[in-house]
């Protein structure tokens, strides 16, 4: 009996030591802004003071403005492929939302959907942009909905890409909800545990970001080392890890009045989205008068990154830019009622 107990104790000690070793090896410090700015800015990058936050903004092209709003854990770089095409016809404006990318944390902890919507409207005001198109992915889709709901007179069109913010199923219908949750995202659930989220502040293994991308991409072969490195390095911008945990563990409610969405609306969805399934897109279409829903067969949660050619062509057509049929490869999609 003593031999068995002694062996069990040694086994437990070995497991504990292995865990401590794993944590020690996964310890990662913050990355300096000088290094990150040099790597993740371009000639179109600016740092704009907005409500006490130095916001990283990227502006490309000329013409009518399109605000491009990224999702949770992401950055303005998620729109790079789209910006190259859209900026030939429009002025694209993307930004790192507070707690993301090079913008970094907000000392006042303003990370809610309504907070982000107010920030983008302030950017528009500072740039003297009275009316604009707006497109948002995931959490950014909820922000786009909030902007369009609160100020429909300023929004020329709305594009929702695998967006959060759909109304709940009829049995629990209410416009008051904390709808920024992505129910299928494992990392959202893991971060709710106090011990785990404290460890994530310093122990941030790179494989976690590869795993995260494997959840949001349908075709894992399209996940490059550049993708993983970008997500991994930008989360380690000073203050971003704490901001992420603050954002995930303290959510604020927001309201969407779908009847006020009187602008043209395009809803785009990856059929293989494991974070926010296509049924959410169908609920959005049902809630928004005259909205069009396009579901792309071979894409996950970030189709603008995974299949940029097909999706940007669809968006350009929606915006009235009629390109020759051979300009880009034809999209492979399911079309629902126009």
Protein backbone atom coordinates (compact mmCIF):
# COMPACT_ATOMS: atom_id res chain seq x y z
CA UNK A 1 0.00 0.00 0.00
CA UNK A 2 2.83 2.38 0.92
CA UNK A 3 4.53 1.61 -2.40
CA UNK A 4 1.35 2.48 -4.33
CA UNK A 5 0.84 5.70 -2.34
CA UNK A 6 4.48 6.69 -2.79
CA UNK A 7 4.22 6.08 -6.53
CA UNK A 8 1.04 8.13 -6.73
CA UNK A 9 2.65 11.04 -4.90
CA UNK A 10 5.66 10.94 -7.21
CA UNK A 11 3.32 10.89 -10.23
CA UNK A 12 1.41 13.93 -8.97
CA UNK A 13 4.65 15.79 -8.26
CA UNK A 14 5.91 14.96 -11.75
CA UNK A 15 2.68 16.29 -13.31
CA UNK A 16 2.90 19.50 -11.27
CA UNK A 17 6.54 19.98 -12.26
CA UNK A 18 5.67 19.42 -15.92
CA UNK A 19 2.89 22.00 -15.67
CA UNK A 20 5.22 24.55 -14.12
CA UNK A 21 7.80 23.82 -16.82
CA UNK A 22 5.17 24.26 -19.55
CA UNK A 23 4.10 27.56 -18.02
CA UNK A 24 7.69 28.74 -17.73
CA UNK A 25 8.38 27.88 -21.36
CA UNK A 26 5.19 29.66 -22.51
CA UNK A 27 5.99 32.87 -20.63
CA UNK A 28 6.03 35.75 -23.08
CA UNK A 29 6.67 39.40 -22.25
CA UNK A 30 5.07 42.39 -23.93
CA UNK A 31 6.46 43.58 -27.25
CA UNK A 32 7.67 47.16 -27.62
CA UNK A 33 5.75 49.63 -29.75
CA UNK A 34 8.84 50.60 -31.77
CA UNK A 35 9.19 47.06 -33.09
CA UNK A 36 5.47 46.62 -33.71
CA UNK A 37 4.99 50.01 -35.40
CA UNK A 38 7.89 49.31 -37.74
CA UNK A 39 6.40 45.96 -38.72
CA UNK A 40 2.64 46.61 -38.74
CA UNK A 41 2.21 50.11 -40.15
CA UNK A 42 2.36 51.37 -43.72
CA UNK A 43 2.46 54.69 -45.53
CA UNK A 44 -1.33 54.80 -45.08
CA UNK A 45 -1.18 54.46 -41.28
CA UNK A 46 -1.99 57.26 -38.85
CA UNK A 47 -2.36 57.58 -35.09
CA UNK A 48 -5.44 59.67 -34.37
CA UNK A 49 -6.24 60.98 -30.86
CA UNK A 50 -9.87 60.04 -30.14
CA UNK A 51 -11.40 60.52 -26.69
CA UNK A 52 -8.05 60.09 -24.97
CA UNK A 53 -7.04 57.05 -27.04
CA UNK A 54 -4.31 57.09 -29.71
CA UNK A 55 -6.12 55.06 -32.37
CA UNK A 56 -4.23 53.33 -35.18
CA UNK A 57 -6.13 54.20 -38.37
CA UNK A 58 -5.39 53.23 -41.96
CA UNK A 59 -6.77 55.32 -44.84
CA UNK A 60 -6.48 54.29 -48.49
CA UNK A 61 -7.96 55.61 -51.74
CA UNK A 62 -10.37 58.43 -52.48
CA UNK A 63 -14.11 58.86 -52.90
CA UNK A 64 -17.02 57.77 -50.75
CA UNK A 65 -15.81 56.43 -47.41
CA UNK A 66 -16.11 52.81 -46.28
CA UNK A 67 -15.43 52.06 -42.61
CA UNK A 68 -14.10 48.51 -42.16
CA UNK A 69 -14.49 47.15 -38.62
CA UNK A 70 -12.60 44.05 -37.48
CA UNK A 71 -13.71 41.38 -35.02
CA UNK A 72 -12.56 40.20 -31.62
CA UNK A 73 -8.85 39.22 -31.27
CA UNK A 74 -8.21 40.74 -34.70
CA UNK A 75 -6.89 44.01 -36.13
CA UNK A 76 -7.31 46.27 -39.14
CA UNK A 77 -4.98 43.91 -41.07
CA UNK A 78 -7.87 41.48 -41.53
CA UNK A 79 -9.14 43.80 -44.32
CA UNK A 80 -5.87 44.14 -46.27
CA UNK A 81 -6.98 42.13 -49.31
CA UNK A 82 -10.30 43.96 -49.49
CA UNK A 83 -8.63 47.36 -49.14
CA UNK A 84 -6.46 46.75 -52.19
CA UNK A 85 -9.55 46.36 -54.38
CA UNK A 86 -11.99 48.71 -52.65
CA UNK A 87 -9.52 51.62 -52.54
CA UNK A 88 -9.53 51.74 -56.35
CA UNK A 89 -13.08 53.10 -56.15
CA UNK A 90 -13.59 54.30 -52.56
CA UNK A 91 -11.75 55.69 -49.55
CA UNK A 92 -11.32 52.83 -47.08
CA UNK A 93 -10.92 53.60 -43.38
CA UNK A 94 -9.94 50.77 -41.04
CA UNK A 95 -8.84 50.98 -37.43
CA UNK A 96 -7.48 48.91 -34.55
CA UNK A 97 -10.26 49.07 -31.97
CA UNK A 98 -9.16 49.78 -28.37
CA UNK A 99 -7.69 46.65 -26.81
CA UNK A 100 -6.55 45.42 -30.22
CA UNK A 101 -3.62 45.86 -32.57
CA UNK A 102 -1.42 48.93 -32.25
CA UNK A 103 -4.10 51.04 -30.58
CA UNK A 104 -3.72 49.17 -27.31
CA UNK A 105 -5.74 49.54 -24.12
CA UNK A 106 -8.16 52.25 -23.06
CA UNK A 107 -7.42 53.47 -19.53
CA UNK A 108 -11.17 53.87 -18.95
CA UNK A 109 -11.95 50.32 -20.12
CA UNK A 110 -14.39 51.35 -22.86
CA UNK A 111 -14.59 48.04 -24.74
CA UNK A 112 -18.34 47.63 -25.30
CA UNK A 113 -20.16 47.59 -28.64
CA UNK A 114 -21.67 51.02 -27.95
CA UNK A 115 -18.23 52.36 -26.95
CA UNK A 116 -16.68 51.18 -30.21
CA UNK A 117 -19.57 52.63 -32.24
CA UNK A 118 -19.12 56.03 -30.57
CA UNK A 119 -15.37 55.92 -31.25
CA UNK A 120 -15.86 55.25 -34.97
CA UNK A 121 -18.41 58.07 -35.25
CA UNK A 122 -15.86 60.38 -33.61
CA UNK A 123 -13.25 59.29 -36.18
CA UNK A 124 -15.75 60.11 -38.94
CA UNK A 125 -16.38 63.53 -37.41
CA UNK A 126 -12.67 64.30 -37.12
CA UNK A 127 -12.21 63.34 -40.76
CA UNK A 128 -15.24 65.42 -41.83
CA UNK A 129 -16.99 62.34 -43.19
CA UNK A 130 -20.71 63.00 -42.87
CA UNK A 131 -21.98 59.90 -44.72
CA UNK A 132 -20.27 56.58 -45.24
CA UNK A 133 -20.62 52.89 -46.00
CA UNK A 134 -19.81 50.52 -43.16
CA UNK A 135 -18.75 46.87 -43.11
CA UNK A 136 -18.04 44.77 -40.03
CA UNK A 137 -16.97 41.23 -39.28
CA UNK A 138 -17.94 39.27 -36.15
CA UNK A 139 -17.89 41.68 -33.19
CA UNK A 140 -17.25 44.43 -35.74
CA UNK A 141 -20.56 43.50 -37.36
CA UNK A 142 -22.35 44.25 -34.10
CA UNK A 143 -20.55 47.61 -33.98
CA UNK A 144 -21.66 48.33 -37.57
CA UNK A 145 -25.24 47.44 -36.63
CA UNK A 146 -25.09 49.80 -33.66
CA UNK A 147 -23.82 52.68 -35.82
CA UNK A 148 -26.50 52.09 -38.46
CA UNK A 149 -29.25 51.73 -35.87
CA UNK A 150 -28.32 54.89 -33.97
CA UNK A 151 -27.48 57.04 -37.02
CA UNK A 152 -29.19 55.63 -40.14
CA UNK A 153 -29.05 59.08 -41.74
CA UNK A 154 -25.24 58.81 -41.92
CA UNK A 155 -24.92 55.23 -43.23
CA UNK A 156 -25.09 54.83 -47.02
CA UNK A 157 -24.99 51.04 -46.88
CA UNK A 158 -24.34 48.26 -44.38
CA UNK A 159 -22.32 45.07 -44.94
CA UNK A 160 -22.45 42.41 -42.21
CA UNK A 161 -19.79 39.68 -42.53
CA UNK A 162 -20.41 36.72 -40.18
CA UNK A 163 -21.63 39.35 -37.77
CA UNK A 164 -22.52 39.23 -34.11
CA UNK A 165 -25.69 41.04 -33.11
CA UNK A 166 -28.48 38.93 -34.63
CA UNK A 167 -31.78 39.05 -32.76
CA UNK A 168 -32.38 36.04 -30.51
CA UNK A 169 -34.69 33.24 -31.57
CA UNK A 170 -38.39 34.22 -31.30
CA UNK A 171 -38.99 32.30 -28.07
CA UNK A 172 -36.62 34.65 -26.22
CA UNK A 173 -36.89 37.68 -28.48
CA UNK A 174 -35.65 40.93 -27.01
CA UNK A 175 -33.51 43.73 -28.37
CA UNK A 176 -31.72 44.04 -25.03
CA UNK A 177 -28.88 41.53 -24.91
CA UNK A 178 -25.19 41.03 -24.47
CA UNK A 179 -24.86 39.87 -28.04
CA UNK A 180 -21.12 40.35 -28.48
CA UNK A 181 -20.55 36.74 -27.32
CA UNK A 182 -19.38 34.26 -29.95
CA UNK A 183 -20.99 31.11 -28.63
CA UNK A 184 -18.75 28.74 -30.57
CA UNK A 185 -15.40 30.27 -29.63
CA UNK A 186 -13.59 28.07 -27.11
CA UNK A 187 -11.21 30.82 -26.08
CA UNK A 188 -14.16 33.01 -25.04
CA UNK A 189 -15.29 30.32 -22.62
CA UNK A 190 -11.81 29.50 -21.29
CA UNK A 191 -11.15 33.16 -20.49
CA UNK A 192 -14.08 33.21 -18.07
CA UNK A 193 -12.12 31.17 -15.49
CA UNK A 194 -10.16 33.49 -13.13
CA UNK A 195 -7.12 31.23 -12.75
CA UNK A 196 -6.84 30.67 -16.51
CA UNK A 197 -7.22 34.31 -17.44
CA UNK A 198 -4.55 35.34 -14.94
CA UNK A 199 -2.15 32.85 -16.51
CA UNK A 200 -2.98 34.14 -19.99
CA UNK A 201 -1.68 37.57 -19.01
CA UNK A 202 1.90 36.29 -19.14
CA UNK A 203 1.79 32.72 -20.41
CA UNK A 204 0.60 33.09 -23.98
CA UNK A 205 1.72 30.12 -26.10
CA UNK A 206 1.91 30.65 -29.84
CA UNK A 207 0.04 27.41 -30.55
CA UNK A 208 -3.06 28.98 -28.97
CA UNK A 209 -3.28 31.40 -31.88
CA UNK A 210 -2.79 28.69 -34.46
CA UNK A 211 -5.59 26.77 -32.76
CA UNK A 212 -7.75 29.90 -32.79
CA UNK A 213 -7.20 30.39 -36.53
CA UNK A 214 -7.99 26.74 -37.18
CA UNK A 215 -11.40 27.45 -35.66
CA UNK A 216 -12.15 30.50 -37.80
CA UNK A 217 -10.76 29.24 -41.13
CA UNK A 218 -12.53 26.41 -42.97
CA UNK A 219 -9.52 25.57 -45.14
CA UNK A 220 -6.58 25.21 -42.75
CA UNK A 221 -4.13 25.19 -45.66
CA UNK A 222 -4.86 28.90 -46.09
CA UNK A 223 -3.52 29.65 -42.61
CA UNK A 224 0.00 30.98 -43.10
CA UNK A 225 2.80 31.51 -40.62
CA UNK A 226 2.34 35.24 -41.30
CA UNK A 227 -1.27 35.01 -40.10
CA UNK A 228 -0.28 33.27 -36.87
CA UNK A 229 2.63 35.60 -36.17
CA UNK A 230 0.51 38.71 -36.70
CA UNK A 231 -2.22 37.64 -34.28
CA UNK A 232 0.38 36.40 -31.79
CA UNK A 233 2.53 39.52 -31.81
CA UNK A 234 -0.27 42.09 -31.74
CA UNK A 235 -1.91 40.49 -28.68
CA UNK A 236 1.45 41.03 -26.95
CA UNK A 237 1.38 44.77 -27.56
CA UNK A 238 1.69 46.32 -24.09
CA UNK A 239 -1.69 46.23 -22.35
CA UNK A 240 -3.57 44.23 -24.96
CA UNK A 241 -3.71 40.98 -22.99
CA UNK A 242 -5.19 42.70 -19.94
CA UNK A 243 -7.59 44.65 -22.17
CA UNK A 244 -8.71 41.43 -23.84
CA UNK A 245 -9.48 39.78 -20.51
CA UNK A 246 -11.28 42.90 -19.28
CA UNK A 247 -13.35 42.95 -22.46
CA UNK A 248 -14.27 39.27 -22.28
CA UNK A 249 -15.16 39.26 -18.58
CA UNK A 250 -17.11 42.51 -18.32
CA UNK A 251 -19.66 42.83 -21.09
CA UNK A 252 -22.13 45.68 -21.46
CA UNK A 253 -25.53 45.46 -23.10
CA UNK A 254 -26.54 47.38 -26.22
CA UNK A 255 -29.69 47.88 -28.25
CA UNK A 256 -30.34 47.51 -31.98
CA UNK A 257 -33.52 48.85 -33.56
CA UNK A 258 -33.68 46.78 -36.73
CA UNK A 259 -36.60 48.80 -38.09
CA UNK A 260 -34.32 51.83 -38.39
CA UNK A 261 -32.01 50.02 -40.82
CA UNK A 262 -33.44 51.61 -43.95
CA UNK A 263 -30.21 51.64 -45.96
CA UNK A 264 -29.19 48.87 -48.43
CA UNK A 265 -27.92 45.88 -46.42
CA UNK A 266 -25.75 42.97 -47.60
CA UNK A 267 -25.22 40.04 -45.24
CA UNK A 268 -22.31 37.73 -46.09
CA UNK A 269 -21.58 34.44 -44.34
CA UNK A 270 -19.20 31.52 -44.46
CA UNK A 271 -21.25 28.31 -44.53
CA UNK A 272 -18.62 26.57 -42.38
CA UNK A 273 -18.54 29.21 -39.63
CA UNK A 274 -18.04 27.42 -36.29
CA UNK A 275 -18.13 30.58 -34.18
CA UNK A 276 -21.33 32.21 -35.42
CA UNK A 277 -23.31 29.78 -37.61
CA UNK A 278 -25.22 30.83 -40.76
CA UNK A 279 -28.53 30.64 -38.89
CA UNK A 280 -27.56 33.99 -37.35
CA UNK A 281 -27.30 35.44 -40.86
CA UNK A 282 -30.77 34.13 -41.65
CA UNK A 283 -32.13 35.79 -38.49
CA UNK A 284 -30.50 39.07 -39.50
CA UNK A 285 -32.05 38.86 -42.95
CA UNK A 286 -35.48 38.24 -41.42
CA UNK A 287 -35.06 41.20 -39.08
CA UNK A 288 -33.78 43.76 -41.61
CA UNK A 289 -36.24 44.88 -44.31
CA UNK A 290 -34.92 44.28 -47.83
CA UNK A 291 -31.59 42.77 -46.74
CA UNK A 292 -29.73 40.38 -49.07
CA UNK A 293 -27.99 37.28 -47.69
CA UNK A 294 -25.10 35.56 -49.50
CA UNK A 295 -23.64 32.38 -48.03
CA UNK A 296 -20.25 31.22 -49.31
CA UNK A 297 -19.86 27.45 -49.32
CA UNK A 298 -16.15 27.00 -48.63
CA UNK A 299 -15.44 29.59 -45.97
CA UNK A 300 -15.49 29.93 -42.20
CA UNK A 301 -15.78 32.89 -39.85
CA UNK A 302 -13.48 35.34 -41.69
CA UNK A 303 -14.36 34.98 -45.40
CA UNK A 304 -12.79 38.35 -46.25
CA UNK A 305 -9.43 36.77 -45.28
CA UNK A 306 -10.06 33.19 -46.38
CA UNK A 307 -11.69 33.88 -49.77
CA UNK A 308 -11.01 37.60 -50.36
CA UNK A 309 -11.40 37.48 -54.15
CA UNK A 310 -14.92 36.05 -54.14
CA UNK A 311 -16.16 38.15 -51.25
CA UNK A 312 -14.79 41.52 -52.36
CA UNK A 313 -16.25 40.98 -55.83
CA UNK A 314 -19.66 40.39 -54.25
CA UNK A 315 -19.29 43.51 -52.11
CA UNK A 316 -18.20 45.64 -55.09
CA UNK A 317 -21.26 44.48 -57.03
CA UNK A 318 -23.42 45.43 -54.05
CA UNK A 319 -21.83 48.91 -54.06
CA UNK A 320 -22.63 49.34 -57.73
CA UNK A 321 -19.21 48.59 -59.21
CA UNK A 322 -19.93 46.28 -62.14
CA UNK A 323 -16.76 44.50 -63.16
CA UNK A 324 -16.12 42.30 -66.16
CA UNK A 325 -16.93 38.66 -65.46
CA UNK A 326 -13.31 37.57 -65.90
CA UNK A 327 -11.94 40.31 -63.61
CA UNK A 328 -11.97 37.90 -60.69
CA UNK A 329 -12.82 34.25 -60.39
CA UNK A 330 -16.59 33.77 -60.07
CA UNK A 331 -17.71 33.25 -56.48
CA UNK A 332 -18.93 29.87 -55.35
CA UNK A 333 -21.89 30.69 -53.17
CA UNK A 334 -25.47 29.92 -52.28
CA UNK A 335 -27.81 32.87 -52.98
CA UNK A 336 -30.84 33.38 -50.79
CA UNK A 337 -33.83 35.55 -51.61
CA UNK A 338 -32.84 38.96 -52.88
